[in-house]
Each structure stands twice: as C-alpha cells, then as structure tokens.
C-alpha cells in the first residue's frame, strides 16, 4: 500500500521552542493529520548546513517533509535537495508534541540524528546538548530521557526498523518554488 497525499494550501503553525527561551513560529503546509501523526512540508534554512562525505545533505531552501508522531521523543524530517532528490532523514530529539487542531508545539532537546539513505547515521549537536546540561538549561533527568530517546532511535536504525512504515509509504508532491 502506498499513501499518496496531494498538497493543499492548508497550513498549520509550528511553535518551535529551543530552551531556555528561544521561540520561533513557522507556518507549514499541512499534508496529513490524524490522532497519531502530523505531516507538514516546508523549505528550510538551517543555521548550519549538514555535510556528509563532502555532500550537502541539508541546506538552504531544501524541502523537508516533517513527521511528528504523538507521544514520541523525536520527529522525522525527510530531506530533499534543490533537485528534489532524497538525501536522508533528520531527526530532532524533542519533548513529546503538544498539539491542537491548528497548531503544534515542539520543544527541542538539542540532540539530533542524521540518517543517510544507506542506513549510516551521525549524531548532531552533542556539543550544544552538553553545554545546555552544563549551564543548567536542561536538568540531569531530562538529559537522561533525551539520551535514551537518541539511543532508542539509533537502535531502530541499526536493526533496520527505521523509519516507521508510515514514513516509508508516505508519498506527496513536493512544494514548488514560489
């Protein structure tokens, strides 16, 4: 079974919180929503591009299809380059999402995981995580939960159980350049 979703112009607002007090609001194109998952699309401008083996796999104006599952400690971004070629998955370690019908909120816990199409992976932003812990921005209990979430995600990648079937089967037309 292949899930196909046509892009519509319906939007949803993502409230993105980065501890201790950074808050950003992003209007994203809503592709799918049910009680288990919200799927959105957006073009991104990362603070720092991600380069793996000399190739930019996440950069300015890349398309991302975001999958935010209820109750999970991570989200999944399926990344497409400027030629709409899939480059891999970017996963933020987050507090489980809070959501309403027209908005949802993510609290980023600093740790991230890049997963390449061949299943290799790289942990991102460990330095930011350690700095946040040292400066008391996150406490030891929350840090342990974030590390456990990251380790569980890595174990899913290693065992071949990543990404979830819903993500594998989800198909959509990518947003066009405006």
N, C-alpha and C. Protein backbone atom coordinates (compact mmCIF):
# COMPACT_ATOMS: atom_id res chain seq x y z
N UNK A 1 0.84 -1.18 0.00
CA UNK A 1 0.00 0.00 0.00
C UNK A 1 0.89 1.24 0.00
N UNK A 2 0.54 2.19 -0.83
CA UNK A 2 1.26 3.45 -0.88
C UNK A 2 0.30 4.57 -0.52
N UNK A 3 0.67 5.38 0.44
CA UNK A 3 -0.14 6.52 0.82
C UNK A 3 0.23 7.69 -0.08
N UNK A 4 -0.73 8.28 -0.72
CA UNK A 4 -0.47 9.43 -1.58
C UNK A 4 -1.28 10.60 -1.08
N UNK A 5 -0.62 11.72 -0.96
CA UNK A 5 -1.28 12.92 -0.48
C UNK A 5 -0.99 14.05 -1.43
N UNK A 6 -2.03 14.68 -1.93
CA UNK A 6 -1.84 15.87 -2.76
C UNK A 6 -1.67 17.05 -1.84
N UNK A 7 -0.75 17.91 -2.22
CA UNK A 7 -0.54 19.08 -1.39
C UNK A 7 -1.70 20.05 -1.58
N UNK A 8 -2.18 20.56 -0.48
CA UNK A 8 -3.21 21.59 -0.50
C UNK A 8 -2.60 22.82 0.15
N UNK A 9 -3.30 23.89 0.11
CA UNK A 9 -2.74 25.10 0.70
C UNK A 9 -3.12 25.27 2.16
N UNK A 10 -3.68 24.25 2.78
CA UNK A 10 -3.98 24.34 4.20
C UNK A 10 -2.66 24.42 4.97
N UNK A 11 -2.60 25.30 5.95
CA UNK A 11 -1.38 25.44 6.73
C UNK A 11 -1.66 25.16 8.20
N UNK A 12 -0.59 24.96 8.92
CA UNK A 12 -0.65 24.77 10.36
C UNK A 12 0.56 25.50 10.93
N UNK A 13 0.44 26.02 12.13
CA UNK A 13 1.54 26.75 12.75
C UNK A 13 2.30 25.85 13.70
N UNK A 14 3.61 25.78 13.48
CA UNK A 14 4.51 25.08 14.39
C UNK A 14 5.12 26.11 15.31
N UNK A 15 4.98 25.89 16.63
CA UNK A 15 5.71 26.67 17.62
C UNK A 15 6.93 25.84 17.97
N UNK A 16 8.09 26.37 17.65
CA UNK A 16 9.35 25.68 17.87
C UNK A 16 10.07 26.36 19.03
N UNK A 17 10.27 25.62 20.11
CA UNK A 17 10.94 26.16 21.30
C UNK A 17 12.31 25.51 21.46
N UNK A 18 13.29 26.37 21.64
CA UNK A 18 14.64 25.90 21.94
C UNK A 18 14.99 26.49 23.29
N UNK A 19 15.20 25.61 24.25
CA UNK A 19 15.49 26.06 25.60
C UNK A 19 16.77 26.88 25.63
N UNK A 20 16.91 27.89 26.49
CA UNK A 20 15.98 28.22 27.55
C UNK A 20 14.80 29.09 27.11
N UNK A 21 14.95 29.95 26.10
CA UNK A 21 13.85 30.87 25.84
C UNK A 21 13.69 31.29 24.37
N UNK A 22 14.25 30.55 23.45
CA UNK A 22 14.07 30.89 22.04
C UNK A 22 12.77 30.27 21.53
N UNK A 23 11.93 31.09 20.90
CA UNK A 23 10.66 30.62 20.34
C UNK A 23 10.54 31.14 18.91
N UNK A 24 10.26 30.24 17.99
CA UNK A 24 10.01 30.61 16.60
C UNK A 24 8.67 30.03 16.18
N UNK A 25 8.02 30.71 15.25
CA UNK A 25 6.74 30.24 14.72
C UNK A 25 6.92 30.02 13.22
N UNK A 26 6.52 28.85 12.75
CA UNK A 26 6.65 28.52 11.34
C UNK A 26 5.29 28.09 10.80
N UNK A 27 4.85 28.76 9.74
CA UNK A 27 3.67 28.29 9.01
C UNK A 27 4.15 27.18 8.10
N UNK A 28 3.54 26.02 8.20
CA UNK A 28 3.93 24.89 7.38
C UNK A 28 2.72 24.40 6.60
N UNK A 29 2.99 23.85 5.44
CA UNK A 29 1.93 23.27 4.63
C UNK A 29 1.51 21.96 5.27
N UNK A 30 0.24 21.84 5.60
CA UNK A 30 -0.29 20.63 6.23
C UNK A 30 -0.60 19.60 5.15
N UNK A 31 0.02 18.43 5.26
CA UNK A 31 -0.18 17.36 4.29
C UNK A 31 -1.10 16.26 4.82
N UNK A 32 -1.03 16.01 6.13
CA UNK A 32 -1.81 14.93 6.73
C UNK A 32 -1.87 15.18 8.23
N UNK A 33 -3.02 14.86 8.82
CA UNK A 33 -3.15 14.98 10.27
C UNK A 33 -4.17 13.96 10.73
N UNK A 34 -3.80 13.18 11.74
CA UNK A 34 -4.74 12.32 12.45
C UNK A 34 -4.28 12.29 13.90
N UNK A 35 -4.88 11.43 14.72
CA UNK A 35 -4.52 11.46 16.14
C UNK A 35 -3.11 10.95 16.42
N UNK A 36 -2.51 10.25 15.46
CA UNK A 36 -1.18 9.67 15.66
C UNK A 36 -0.04 10.52 15.11
N UNK A 37 -0.30 11.30 14.05
CA UNK A 37 0.80 11.98 13.37
C UNK A 37 0.32 13.25 12.66
N UNK A 38 1.21 14.22 12.61
CA UNK A 38 1.03 15.41 11.79
C UNK A 38 2.15 15.37 10.76
N UNK A 39 1.79 15.57 9.49
CA UNK A 39 2.79 15.61 8.42
C UNK A 39 2.70 16.98 7.76
N UNK A 40 3.83 17.67 7.70
CA UNK A 40 3.88 19.01 7.12
C UNK A 40 5.04 19.09 6.12
N UNK A 41 5.02 20.15 5.33
CA UNK A 41 6.12 20.39 4.39
C UNK A 41 6.56 21.83 4.52
N UNK A 42 7.84 22.05 4.33
CA UNK A 42 8.37 23.40 4.33
C UNK A 42 9.75 23.40 3.67
N UNK A 43 10.14 24.55 3.20
CA UNK A 43 11.52 24.77 2.79
C UNK A 43 12.25 25.31 4.02
N UNK A 44 13.48 24.86 4.21
CA UNK A 44 14.20 25.21 5.44
C UNK A 44 15.43 26.06 5.16
N UNK A 45 15.83 26.75 6.19
CA UNK A 45 17.08 27.50 6.21
C UNK A 45 17.79 27.11 7.50
N UNK A 46 18.57 26.03 7.46
CA UNK A 46 19.23 25.59 8.69
C UNK A 46 20.29 26.60 9.15
N UNK A 47 20.53 26.64 10.47
CA UNK A 47 21.55 27.55 10.99
C UNK A 47 22.93 27.16 10.45
N UNK A 48 23.14 25.87 10.27
CA UNK A 48 24.38 25.36 9.68
C UNK A 48 24.01 24.21 8.75
N UNK A 49 24.46 24.24 7.51
CA UNK A 49 24.19 23.11 6.62
C UNK A 49 24.83 21.83 7.17
N UNK A 50 24.24 20.70 6.83
CA UNK A 50 24.85 19.42 7.20
C UNK A 50 25.52 18.87 5.95
N UNK A 51 26.81 18.55 6.11
CA UNK A 51 27.60 18.00 5.01
C UNK A 51 28.10 16.62 5.44
N UNK A 52 27.78 15.61 4.65
CA UNK A 52 28.20 14.24 4.93
C UNK A 52 29.03 13.78 3.73
N UNK A 53 30.25 13.32 3.99
CA UNK A 53 31.15 12.86 2.92
C UNK A 53 31.27 13.88 1.79
N UNK A 54 31.38 15.16 2.16
CA UNK A 54 31.58 16.22 1.19
C UNK A 54 30.33 16.66 0.44
N UNK A 55 29.18 16.07 0.75
CA UNK A 55 27.93 16.42 0.07
C UNK A 55 27.00 17.13 1.04
N UNK A 56 26.43 18.27 0.63
CA UNK A 56 25.45 18.95 1.45
C UNK A 56 24.15 18.17 1.39
N UNK A 57 23.75 17.62 2.54
CA UNK A 57 22.54 16.79 2.60
C UNK A 57 21.37 17.54 3.22
N UNK A 58 21.67 18.68 3.84
CA UNK A 58 20.63 19.57 4.38
C UNK A 58 21.15 20.99 4.28
N UNK A 59 20.52 21.77 3.42
CA UNK A 59 20.99 23.13 3.19
C UNK A 59 19.84 24.08 2.94
N UNK A 60 20.19 25.32 2.65
CA UNK A 60 19.20 26.36 2.40
C UNK A 60 18.25 25.99 1.28
N UNK A 61 16.97 26.20 1.56
CA UNK A 61 15.89 26.02 0.59
C UNK A 61 15.61 24.56 0.24
N UNK A 62 16.18 23.63 1.01
CA UNK A 62 15.85 22.22 0.81
C UNK A 62 14.40 22.00 1.27
N UNK A 63 13.71 21.09 0.62
CA UNK A 63 12.36 20.70 1.03
C UNK A 63 12.45 19.67 2.15
N UNK A 64 11.59 19.80 3.14
CA UNK A 64 11.51 18.82 4.21
C UNK A 64 10.05 18.43 4.41
N UNK A 65 9.81 17.14 4.45
CA UNK A 65 8.51 16.60 4.85
C UNK A 65 8.70 16.16 6.30
N UNK A 66 8.00 16.83 7.22
CA UNK A 66 8.15 16.56 8.66
C UNK A 66 7.06 15.60 9.12
N UNK A 67 7.46 14.61 9.91
CA UNK A 67 6.55 13.65 10.53
C UNK A 67 6.69 13.82 12.03
N UNK A 68 5.62 14.27 12.70
CA UNK A 68 5.64 14.47 14.14
C UNK A 68 4.58 13.55 14.74
N UNK A 69 5.04 12.50 15.39
CA UNK A 69 4.16 11.48 15.95
C UNK A 69 3.80 11.80 17.39
N UNK A 70 2.55 11.60 17.74
CA UNK A 70 2.07 11.80 19.11
C UNK A 70 2.80 10.84 20.05
N UNK A 71 3.32 11.37 21.15
CA UNK A 71 3.92 10.54 22.19
C UNK A 71 5.37 10.16 21.99
N UNK A 72 5.96 10.45 20.83
CA UNK A 72 7.36 10.10 20.62
C UNK A 72 8.29 11.24 21.02
N UNK A 73 9.51 10.88 21.35
CA UNK A 73 10.52 11.84 21.79
C UNK A 73 11.39 12.30 20.63
N UNK A 74 10.92 12.15 19.42
CA UNK A 74 11.65 12.63 18.24
C UNK A 74 10.67 12.90 17.12
N UNK A 75 11.11 13.74 16.18
CA UNK A 75 10.38 13.91 14.93
C UNK A 75 11.27 13.40 13.82
N UNK A 76 10.73 13.31 12.61
CA UNK A 76 11.49 12.83 11.47
C UNK A 76 11.27 13.80 10.32
N UNK A 77 12.36 14.29 9.79
CA UNK A 77 12.30 15.11 8.59
C UNK A 77 12.87 14.34 7.42
N UNK A 78 12.08 14.17 6.36
CA UNK A 78 12.57 13.51 5.15
C UNK A 78 13.05 14.64 4.24
N UNK A 79 14.34 14.66 3.93
CA UNK A 79 15.00 15.81 3.31
C UNK A 79 15.18 15.58 1.80
N UNK A 80 14.87 16.65 1.05
CA UNK A 80 15.06 16.63 -0.41
C UNK A 80 15.90 17.85 -0.79
N UNK A 81 16.90 17.62 -1.64
CA UNK A 81 17.78 18.73 -2.05
C UNK A 81 17.09 19.62 -3.09
N UNK A 82 17.84 20.56 -3.65
CA UNK A 82 17.26 21.53 -4.59
C UNK A 82 16.78 20.87 -5.89
N UNK A 83 17.27 19.66 -6.17
CA UNK A 83 16.80 18.90 -7.35
C UNK A 83 15.69 17.93 -6.98
N UNK A 84 15.14 18.08 -5.76
CA UNK A 84 14.10 17.19 -5.21
C UNK A 84 14.54 15.73 -5.13
N UNK A 85 15.84 15.53 -4.88
CA UNK A 85 16.39 14.20 -4.65
C UNK A 85 16.47 13.98 -3.14
N UNK A 86 16.00 12.82 -2.69
CA UNK A 86 16.01 12.49 -1.27
C UNK A 86 17.45 12.32 -0.80
N UNK A 87 17.81 13.03 0.27
CA UNK A 87 19.18 12.95 0.79
C UNK A 87 19.27 12.20 2.12
N UNK A 88 18.15 12.01 2.83
CA UNK A 88 18.17 11.29 4.09
C UNK A 88 17.13 11.82 5.06
N UNK A 89 17.28 11.39 6.31
CA UNK A 89 16.36 11.78 7.38
C UNK A 89 17.09 12.58 8.44
N UNK A 90 16.42 13.62 8.92
CA UNK A 90 16.93 14.41 10.04
C UNK A 90 15.93 14.26 11.19
N UNK A 91 16.42 13.82 12.34
CA UNK A 91 15.55 13.59 13.49
C UNK A 91 15.97 14.49 14.64
N UNK A 92 15.03 15.28 15.14
CA UNK A 92 15.24 16.10 16.32
C UNK A 92 14.78 15.30 17.53
N UNK A 93 15.58 15.30 18.58
CA UNK A 93 15.11 14.76 19.86
C UNK A 93 14.32 15.88 20.52
N UNK A 94 13.07 15.58 20.87
CA UNK A 94 12.13 16.59 21.36
C UNK A 94 11.33 16.05 22.53
N UNK A 95 10.69 16.95 23.26
CA UNK A 95 9.65 16.51 24.20
C UNK A 95 8.47 16.03 23.37
N UNK A 96 7.70 15.06 23.85
CA UNK A 96 6.51 14.66 23.09
C UNK A 96 5.66 15.88 22.74
N UNK A 97 5.16 15.90 21.52
CA UNK A 97 4.50 17.07 20.95
C UNK A 97 3.21 17.43 21.70
N UNK A 98 2.97 18.74 21.79
CA UNK A 98 1.68 19.26 22.26
C UNK A 98 0.99 19.83 21.04
N UNK A 99 -0.31 19.52 20.87
CA UNK A 99 -0.98 19.96 19.66
C UNK A 99 -2.45 20.27 19.86
N UNK A 100 -2.95 21.14 18.97
CA UNK A 100 -4.37 21.42 18.85
C UNK A 100 -4.71 21.27 17.37
N UNK A 101 -5.93 21.63 16.99
CA UNK A 101 -6.33 21.47 15.59
C UNK A 101 -5.53 22.33 14.62
N UNK A 102 -5.14 23.53 15.06
CA UNK A 102 -4.50 24.43 14.11
C UNK A 102 -3.05 24.78 14.44
N UNK A 103 -2.49 24.16 15.48
CA UNK A 103 -1.09 24.41 15.79
C UNK A 103 -0.51 23.25 16.59
N UNK A 104 0.82 23.19 16.58
CA UNK A 104 1.50 22.21 17.41
C UNK A 104 2.81 22.80 17.90
N UNK A 105 3.30 22.24 19.01
CA UNK A 105 4.47 22.81 19.68
C UNK A 105 5.52 21.74 19.88
N UNK A 106 6.74 22.10 19.50
CA UNK A 106 7.89 21.22 19.68
C UNK A 106 8.86 21.91 20.62
N UNK A 107 9.37 21.16 21.59
CA UNK A 107 10.45 21.64 22.44
C UNK A 107 11.68 20.80 22.10
N UNK A 108 12.65 21.44 21.48
CA UNK A 108 13.87 20.80 21.00
C UNK A 108 14.80 20.53 22.18
N UNK A 109 15.34 19.32 22.25
CA UNK A 109 16.25 18.95 23.33
C UNK A 109 17.70 18.84 22.85
N UNK A 110 18.04 19.58 21.80
CA UNK A 110 19.40 19.79 21.32
C UNK A 110 19.97 18.63 20.50
N UNK A 111 19.80 17.40 20.92
CA UNK A 111 20.38 16.27 20.20
C UNK A 111 19.61 16.01 18.91
N UNK A 112 20.34 15.66 17.85
CA UNK A 112 19.74 15.35 16.56
C UNK A 112 20.45 14.14 15.97
N UNK A 113 19.78 13.50 15.03
CA UNK A 113 20.37 12.34 14.36
C UNK A 113 20.14 12.48 12.86
N UNK A 114 21.22 12.36 12.08
CA UNK A 114 21.13 12.31 10.63
C UNK A 114 21.21 10.85 10.22
N UNK A 115 20.29 10.40 9.36
CA UNK A 115 20.30 9.03 8.84
C UNK A 115 20.35 9.11 7.32
N UNK A 116 21.42 8.60 6.74
CA UNK A 116 21.60 8.60 5.29
C UNK A 116 20.77 7.50 4.65
N UNK A 117 20.50 7.60 3.35
CA UNK A 117 19.72 6.56 2.66
C UNK A 117 20.31 5.16 2.80
N UNK A 118 21.64 5.05 2.97
CA UNK A 118 22.26 3.73 3.11
C UNK A 118 22.20 3.19 4.53
N UNK A 119 21.57 3.93 5.45
CA UNK A 119 21.41 3.47 6.84
C UNK A 119 22.53 3.91 7.77
N UNK A 120 23.56 4.55 7.25
CA UNK A 120 24.58 5.09 8.15
C UNK A 120 23.99 6.31 8.84
N UNK A 121 24.55 6.65 9.98
CA UNK A 121 23.99 7.76 10.76
C UNK A 121 25.09 8.55 11.42
N UNK A 122 24.72 9.75 11.84
CA UNK A 122 25.65 10.63 12.53
C UNK A 122 24.86 11.45 13.56
N UNK A 123 25.32 11.44 14.81
CA UNK A 123 24.70 12.25 15.85
C UNK A 123 25.14 13.69 15.63
N UNK A 124 24.18 14.62 15.75
CA UNK A 124 24.44 16.04 15.55
C UNK A 124 24.21 16.80 16.86
N UNK A 125 24.93 17.87 17.03
CA UNK A 125 24.71 18.86 18.09
C UNK A 125 24.96 18.34 19.51
N UNK A 126 25.82 17.34 19.65
CA UNK A 126 26.16 16.86 21.00
C UNK A 126 26.81 17.97 21.83
N UNK A 127 27.59 18.84 21.18
CA UNK A 127 28.24 19.93 21.90
C UNK A 127 27.21 20.88 22.49
N UNK A 128 26.16 21.21 21.72
CA UNK A 128 25.10 22.08 22.23
C UNK A 128 24.36 21.41 23.39
N UNK A 129 24.14 20.11 23.29
CA UNK A 129 23.47 19.35 24.34
C UNK A 129 24.30 19.41 25.64
N UNK A 130 25.60 19.14 25.53
CA UNK A 130 26.47 19.15 26.71
C UNK A 130 26.54 20.54 27.33
N UNK A 131 26.59 21.58 26.50
CA UNK A 131 26.61 22.95 27.00
C UNK A 131 25.31 23.27 27.75
N UNK A 132 24.18 22.84 27.18
CA UNK A 132 22.88 23.06 27.83
C UNK A 132 22.82 22.36 29.18
N UNK A 133 23.36 21.16 29.25
CA UNK A 133 23.38 20.42 30.51
C UNK A 133 24.30 21.11 31.52
N UNK A 134 25.50 21.48 31.10
CA UNK A 134 26.46 22.15 31.98
C UNK A 134 25.91 23.48 32.51
N UNK A 135 25.15 24.20 31.69
CA UNK A 135 24.63 25.51 32.08
C UNK A 135 23.27 25.44 32.75
N UNK A 136 22.78 24.24 33.03
CA UNK A 136 21.52 24.09 33.74
C UNK A 136 20.28 24.41 32.89
N UNK A 137 20.43 24.48 31.58
CA UNK A 137 19.28 24.73 30.71
C UNK A 137 18.38 23.51 30.67
N UNK A 138 18.99 22.34 30.74
CA UNK A 138 18.23 21.10 30.94
C UNK A 138 18.82 20.40 32.16
N UNK A 139 17.95 19.73 32.91
CA UNK A 139 18.44 19.05 34.11
C UNK A 139 18.86 17.62 33.78
N UNK A 140 19.47 16.97 34.74
CA UNK A 140 20.02 15.62 34.53
C UNK A 140 18.93 14.62 34.14
N UNK A 141 17.74 14.74 34.72
CA UNK A 141 16.65 13.82 34.41
C UNK A 141 16.21 13.96 32.96
N UNK A 142 16.02 15.19 32.52
CA UNK A 142 15.62 15.43 31.13
C UNK A 142 16.74 15.03 30.17
N UNK A 143 17.98 15.28 30.55
CA UNK A 143 19.12 14.89 29.73
C UNK A 143 19.15 13.37 29.54
N UNK A 144 18.88 12.64 30.60
CA UNK A 144 18.87 11.17 30.51
C UNK A 144 17.75 10.70 29.57
N UNK A 145 16.57 11.32 29.66
CA UNK A 145 15.47 10.97 28.78
C UNK A 145 15.82 11.27 27.32
N UNK A 146 16.49 12.40 27.08
CA UNK A 146 16.90 12.76 25.72
C UNK A 146 17.92 11.76 25.18
N UNK A 147 18.89 11.41 26.00
CA UNK A 147 19.91 10.42 25.58
C UNK A 147 19.26 9.06 25.30
N UNK A 148 18.31 8.66 26.16
CA UNK A 148 17.61 7.39 25.94
C UNK A 148 16.83 7.42 24.63
N UNK A 149 16.18 8.55 24.34
CA UNK A 149 15.43 8.68 23.09
C UNK A 149 16.38 8.55 21.89
N UNK A 150 17.53 9.21 21.98
CA UNK A 150 18.52 9.13 20.91
C UNK A 150 19.02 7.70 20.74
N UNK A 151 19.35 7.03 21.84
CA UNK A 151 19.84 5.65 21.78
C UNK A 151 18.79 4.70 21.22
N UNK A 152 17.53 4.90 21.61
CA UNK A 152 16.46 4.07 21.06
C UNK A 152 16.32 4.27 19.56
N UNK A 153 16.44 5.51 19.13
CA UNK A 153 16.36 5.83 17.71
C UNK A 153 17.52 5.18 16.95
N UNK A 154 18.73 5.28 17.49
CA UNK A 154 19.90 4.64 16.87
C UNK A 154 19.70 3.14 16.79
N UNK A 155 19.16 2.53 17.84
CA UNK A 155 18.90 1.09 17.81
C UNK A 155 17.90 0.71 16.72
N UNK A 156 16.89 1.57 16.50
CA UNK A 156 15.94 1.32 15.41
C UNK A 156 16.64 1.36 14.06
N UNK A 157 17.54 2.33 13.89
CA UNK A 157 18.29 2.43 12.64
C UNK A 157 19.15 1.18 12.45
N UNK A 158 19.90 0.79 13.48
CA UNK A 158 20.80 -0.37 13.40
C UNK A 158 20.05 -1.65 13.10
N UNK A 159 18.84 -1.79 13.65
CA UNK A 159 18.08 -3.03 13.47
C UNK A 159 17.26 -3.04 12.18
N UNK A 160 17.29 -1.94 11.43
CA UNK A 160 16.52 -1.86 10.19
C UNK A 160 15.06 -1.51 10.39
N UNK A 161 14.70 -1.08 11.59
CA UNK A 161 13.30 -0.73 11.90
C UNK A 161 13.02 0.76 11.79
N UNK A 162 13.89 1.48 11.10
CA UNK A 162 13.72 2.90 10.89
C UNK A 162 13.77 3.17 9.40
N UNK A 163 12.92 4.04 8.93
CA UNK A 163 11.87 4.80 9.60
C UNK A 163 10.61 3.95 9.77
N UNK A 164 9.63 4.46 10.50
CA UNK A 164 8.36 3.74 10.62
C UNK A 164 7.72 3.52 9.24
N UNK A 165 6.92 2.49 9.12
CA UNK A 165 6.25 2.16 7.85
C UNK A 165 5.48 3.34 7.28
N UNK A 166 4.81 4.10 8.14
CA UNK A 166 4.03 5.25 7.66
C UNK A 166 4.93 6.21 6.88
N UNK A 167 6.13 6.45 7.39
CA UNK A 167 7.07 7.36 6.74
C UNK A 167 7.54 6.76 5.41
N UNK A 168 7.85 5.48 5.41
CA UNK A 168 8.31 4.82 4.18
C UNK A 168 7.26 4.91 3.08
N UNK A 169 5.99 4.74 3.44
CA UNK A 169 4.92 4.66 2.45
C UNK A 169 4.33 6.01 2.05
N UNK A 170 4.63 7.03 2.81
CA UNK A 170 4.03 8.34 2.56
C UNK A 170 4.63 8.95 1.30
N UNK A 171 3.77 9.34 0.37
CA UNK A 171 4.20 10.00 -0.87
C UNK A 171 3.41 11.28 -1.05
N UNK A 172 4.07 12.29 -1.53
CA UNK A 172 3.41 13.56 -1.79
C UNK A 172 4.16 14.29 -2.88
N UNK A 173 3.50 15.24 -3.48
CA UNK A 173 4.20 16.16 -4.38
C UNK A 173 4.86 17.21 -3.51
N UNK A 174 6.10 17.48 -3.81
CA UNK A 174 6.83 18.46 -3.02
C UNK A 174 6.38 19.86 -3.39
N UNK A 175 6.40 20.77 -2.42
CA UNK A 175 6.03 22.16 -2.71
C UNK A 175 6.96 22.73 -3.80
N UNK A 176 6.40 23.52 -4.66
CA UNK A 176 7.17 24.14 -5.75
C UNK A 176 7.78 25.44 -5.25
N UNK A 177 8.86 25.85 -5.92
CA UNK A 177 9.46 27.16 -5.61
C UNK A 177 8.44 28.24 -5.89
N UNK A 178 8.42 29.27 -5.02
CA UNK A 178 7.48 30.36 -5.30
C UNK A 178 8.13 31.44 -6.11
